[in-house]
């Protein structure tokens, strides 16, 4: 029976495997067992491969989210210092991170000198930073990495909007990835149960046929070897 017919899928298009309530719907005779088990094992491998890919994507998103939040908070701090708070969007989408944003403001404010300057650091590489002295009130644009070694200058308002949009998309993607992981775990478990049920059906069917004399008993290799030796002698 084709397990791909009449199957549903999750919002990302991953097909589901229906629970095997009746083994006879998939296996009609002993000759079908091997092919059915092979097909089920292949499906487990596909689901496992998808699970590994989604897990890697989720790990990457979890690593990027804190950096994205921090960058957005810094941009909003600069807008605040330029007196751009009236046009700055609210902190919707940051949720529990609003308190963190206030902490960032306090931290940066505490570093502000009497002249309105801030001594800070910026990243040159993953583990290499350099010191810089800036005047937040005079900054009207920031440079953002877009990937593929591309950096673009954005006005503060546009940078705020861009980062907020990327942050919301990253959060949505992480939620979707976690839902997919749970969905894939359920499909793999369902298939493992199906494989076990087909194995049990195969064993039970063979026992029944043997008791009826319709299935020859397996030969004893030891007896065959002994018989061969006797013949030679």
Protein backbone atom coordinates (compact mmCIF):
# COMPACT_ATOMS: atom_id res chain seq x y z
CA UNK A 1 0.00 0.00 0.00
CA UNK A 2 1.31 3.47 -0.86
CA UNK A 3 1.81 5.39 2.38
CA UNK A 4 2.02 8.71 0.54
CA UNK A 5 -1.65 8.71 -0.46
CA UNK A 6 -4.17 10.63 1.64
CA UNK A 7 -1.45 11.95 3.95
CA UNK A 8 -1.49 15.39 5.51
CA UNK A 9 1.43 17.74 6.08
CA UNK A 10 2.43 20.45 8.51
CA UNK A 11 2.48 24.20 7.57
CA UNK A 12 6.00 23.82 6.12
CA UNK A 13 4.93 20.97 3.86
CA UNK A 14 6.51 18.08 5.78
CA UNK A 15 4.28 15.04 5.17
CA UNK A 16 2.92 13.11 8.12
CA UNK A 17 2.90 9.33 8.48
CA UNK A 18 -0.49 7.91 9.52
CA UNK A 19 -0.62 5.69 12.57
CA UNK A 20 -0.54 2.01 11.61
CA UNK A 21 -3.79 0.84 13.18
CA UNK A 22 -4.19 -2.21 10.92
CA UNK A 23 -1.10 -4.02 9.67
CA UNK A 24 -3.15 -5.78 7.00
CA UNK A 25 -3.63 -2.45 5.23
CA UNK A 26 0.10 -2.46 4.43
CA UNK A 27 1.02 -6.15 4.48
CA UNK A 28 -1.16 -8.68 2.66
CA UNK A 29 1.21 -11.64 2.79
CA UNK A 30 4.65 -12.66 4.02
CA UNK A 31 6.12 -11.67 0.67
CA UNK A 32 5.14 -8.04 1.40
CA UNK A 33 6.98 -7.84 4.73
CA UNK A 34 10.50 -7.16 3.48
CA UNK A 35 9.42 -4.51 0.97
CA UNK A 36 7.22 -2.79 3.59
CA UNK A 37 9.98 -2.73 6.21
CA UNK A 38 12.46 -1.38 3.65
CA UNK A 39 10.05 1.41 2.71
CA UNK A 40 9.44 2.31 6.35
CA UNK A 41 13.18 2.35 7.11
CA UNK A 42 13.77 4.68 4.15
CA UNK A 43 11.10 7.02 5.50
CA UNK A 44 12.75 7.01 8.93
CA UNK A 45 16.04 7.97 7.27
CA UNK A 46 14.37 10.86 5.41
CA UNK A 47 12.67 12.17 8.54
CA UNK A 48 15.96 11.87 10.48
CA UNK A 49 17.79 13.80 7.75
CA UNK A 50 15.18 16.57 7.87
CA UNK A 51 15.37 16.60 11.67
CA UNK A 52 19.14 17.13 11.58
CA UNK A 53 18.81 20.01 9.09
CA UNK A 54 16.07 21.72 11.12
CA UNK A 55 18.08 21.28 14.32
CA UNK A 56 21.10 22.98 12.73
CA UNK A 57 18.88 25.85 11.58
CA UNK A 58 17.39 26.23 15.05
CA UNK A 59 20.85 26.27 16.66
CA UNK A 60 21.96 28.99 14.25
CA UNK A 61 18.89 31.10 15.03
CA UNK A 62 19.40 30.74 18.79
CA UNK A 63 22.97 31.97 18.36
CA UNK A 64 21.98 34.95 16.18
CA UNK A 65 19.01 36.23 18.18
CA UNK A 66 21.00 37.71 21.12
CA UNK A 67 23.31 39.56 18.72
CA UNK A 68 20.35 40.90 16.72
CA UNK A 69 18.63 42.10 19.90
CA UNK A 70 21.81 43.80 21.10
CA UNK A 71 22.30 45.56 17.75
CA UNK A 72 18.71 46.82 17.76
CA UNK A 73 19.10 48.08 21.31
CA UNK A 74 22.24 50.03 20.38
CA UNK A 75 20.51 51.62 17.37
CA UNK A 76 17.61 52.69 19.55
CA UNK A 77 20.04 54.11 22.11
CA UNK A 78 21.63 56.23 19.38
CA UNK A 79 18.20 57.42 18.23
CA UNK A 80 17.36 58.35 21.78
CA UNK A 81 20.56 60.40 22.13
CA UNK A 82 19.73 62.26 18.91
CA UNK A 83 16.32 63.15 20.30
CA UNK A 84 14.63 60.88 17.75
CA UNK A 85 12.43 59.16 20.35
CA UNK A 86 9.21 60.65 18.96
CA UNK A 87 9.61 58.88 15.65
CA UNK A 88 11.25 55.77 17.04
CA UNK A 89 8.89 52.75 16.98
CA UNK A 90 7.82 51.18 20.27
CA UNK A 91 9.62 48.14 21.58
CA UNK A 92 6.87 45.78 20.39
CA UNK A 93 8.29 42.41 19.47
CA UNK A 94 11.06 42.57 22.04
CA UNK A 95 8.73 41.32 24.78
CA UNK A 96 10.71 40.46 27.88
CA UNK A 97 13.78 42.11 26.35
CA UNK A 98 12.45 45.61 27.13
CA UNK A 99 14.10 45.42 30.55
CA UNK A 100 17.33 44.39 28.85
CA UNK A 101 17.08 47.41 26.55
CA UNK A 102 16.77 49.68 29.61
CA UNK A 103 19.85 48.00 31.08
CA UNK A 104 21.74 48.73 27.86
CA UNK A 105 20.69 52.40 28.06
CA UNK A 106 21.88 52.62 31.64
CA UNK A 107 25.15 50.88 30.80
CA UNK A 108 25.87 53.18 27.87
CA UNK A 109 24.73 56.27 29.77
CA UNK A 110 27.13 55.40 32.56
CA UNK A 111 29.97 55.38 30.02
CA UNK A 112 29.04 58.77 28.60
CA UNK A 113 31.55 61.43 29.50
CA UNK A 114 30.71 65.04 30.33
CA UNK A 115 31.43 66.01 26.72
CA UNK A 116 28.78 63.61 25.46
CA UNK A 117 31.38 61.09 24.30
CA UNK A 118 31.31 57.35 24.90
CA UNK A 119 34.30 55.04 24.98
CA UNK A 120 33.21 51.72 23.52
CA UNK A 121 34.50 48.77 21.54
CA UNK A 122 33.68 47.41 18.12
CA UNK A 123 34.31 43.99 16.62
CA UNK A 124 37.04 43.49 14.03
CA UNK A 125 36.77 39.69 14.10
CA UNK A 126 34.96 37.12 16.20
CA UNK A 127 37.51 37.42 19.00
CA UNK A 128 39.18 40.76 18.18
CA UNK A 129 37.84 44.14 19.33
CA UNK A 130 39.12 47.71 19.11
CA UNK A 131 38.34 50.72 21.29
CA UNK A 132 36.65 53.81 19.92
CA UNK A 133 35.33 57.10 21.28
CA UNK A 134 32.05 58.25 19.74
CA UNK A 135 29.56 61.08 20.17
CA UNK A 136 26.10 59.44 20.03
CA UNK A 137 24.28 62.74 19.52
CA UNK A 138 26.20 63.34 16.28
CA UNK A 139 25.67 59.90 14.74
CA UNK A 140 22.95 59.82 12.09
CA UNK A 141 23.70 56.48 10.39
CA UNK A 142 25.05 53.02 11.13
CA UNK A 143 26.68 50.31 9.02
CA UNK A 144 25.06 46.90 9.03
CA UNK A 145 26.41 43.60 7.73
CA UNK A 146 23.97 42.05 5.25
CA UNK A 147 26.02 38.90 4.67
CA UNK A 148 28.30 37.75 1.84
CA UNK A 149 30.87 40.38 2.97
CA UNK A 150 28.43 43.21 2.22
CA UNK A 151 28.06 46.18 4.56
CA UNK A 152 25.52 48.95 3.92
CA UNK A 153 25.03 52.33 5.62
CA UNK A 154 21.50 53.02 6.91
CA UNK A 155 19.99 56.07 8.58
CA UNK A 156 19.11 55.27 12.18
CA UNK A 157 15.36 55.12 11.53
CA UNK A 158 15.77 52.75 8.58
CA UNK A 159 18.26 50.62 10.52
CA UNK A 160 15.76 50.40 13.38
CA UNK A 161 12.99 49.28 11.04
CA UNK A 162 15.22 46.79 9.22
CA UNK A 163 16.57 45.22 12.41
CA UNK A 164 13.13 45.02 13.99
CA UNK A 165 11.80 43.21 10.91
CA UNK A 166 14.73 40.79 10.85
CA UNK A 167 14.37 40.12 14.56
CA UNK A 168 10.67 39.31 14.23
CA UNK A 169 11.35 37.03 11.25
CA UNK A 170 14.11 35.24 13.15
CA UNK A 171 11.79 34.67 16.12
CA UNK A 172 9.06 33.34 13.83
CA UNK A 173 11.58 31.08 12.10
CA UNK A 174 12.78 29.72 15.44
CA UNK A 175 9.19 28.98 16.53
CA UNK A 176 8.56 27.22 13.20
CA UNK A 177 11.79 25.22 13.53
CA UNK A 178 10.87 24.07 17.04
CA UNK A 179 7.39 23.07 15.81
CA UNK A 180 8.97 21.13 12.92
CA UNK A 181 11.34 19.33 15.30
CA UNK A 182 8.45 18.19 17.47
CA UNK A 183 6.47 17.16 14.38
CA UNK A 184 9.43 15.16 13.02
CA UNK A 185 9.98 13.43 16.37
CA UNK A 186 6.35 12.31 16.33
CA UNK A 187 6.65 10.97 12.76
CA UNK A 188 9.83 9.04 13.55
CA UNK A 189 8.24 7.51 16.67
CA UNK A 190 5.11 6.58 14.70
CA UNK A 191 7.23 4.86 12.04
CA UNK A 192 9.28 2.98 14.64
CA UNK A 193 6.02 1.69 16.14
CA UNK A 194 4.84 0.69 12.65
CA UNK A 195 8.09 -1.19 12.00
CA UNK A 196 7.74 -3.07 15.29
CA UNK A 197 4.12 -4.00 14.51
CA UNK A 198 5.07 -5.33 11.07
CA UNK A 199 7.87 -7.41 12.64
CA UNK A 200 5.43 -8.81 15.21
CA UNK A 201 2.88 -9.56 12.49
CA UNK A 202 5.58 -11.37 10.49
CA UNK A 203 6.59 -13.53 13.49
CA UNK A 204 2.98 -14.33 14.41
CA UNK A 205 2.02 -15.19 10.84
CA UNK A 206 5.00 -17.54 10.44
CA UNK A 207 4.14 -19.33 13.68
CA UNK A 208 0.55 -19.77 12.58
CA UNK A 209 1.55 -21.17 9.19
CA UNK A 210 4.08 -23.55 10.79
CA UNK A 211 1.45 -24.87 13.17
CA UNK A 212 -0.78 -25.55 10.17
CA UNK A 213 2.06 -27.26 8.32
CA UNK A 214 1.93 -24.68 5.55
CA UNK A 215 5.44 -23.35 6.20
CA UNK A 216 8.43 -25.72 6.22
CA UNK A 217 10.52 -25.75 9.40
CA UNK A 218 13.92 -24.12 9.20
CA UNK A 219 16.76 -26.58 8.66
CA UNK A 220 19.23 -27.20 11.44
CA UNK A 221 22.69 -26.40 10.09
CA UNK A 222 24.28 -28.72 12.66
CA UNK A 223 22.24 -31.67 11.46
CA UNK A 224 23.08 -30.92 7.82
CA UNK A 225 26.79 -30.81 8.62
CA UNK A 226 26.63 -34.08 10.53
CA UNK A 227 24.77 -35.74 7.72
CA UNK A 228 27.37 -34.59 5.26
CA UNK A 229 30.15 -36.01 7.38
CA UNK A 230 28.39 -39.36 7.68
CA UNK A 231 27.95 -39.54 3.93
CA UNK A 232 31.64 -38.88 3.43
CA UNK A 233 32.58 -41.57 5.90
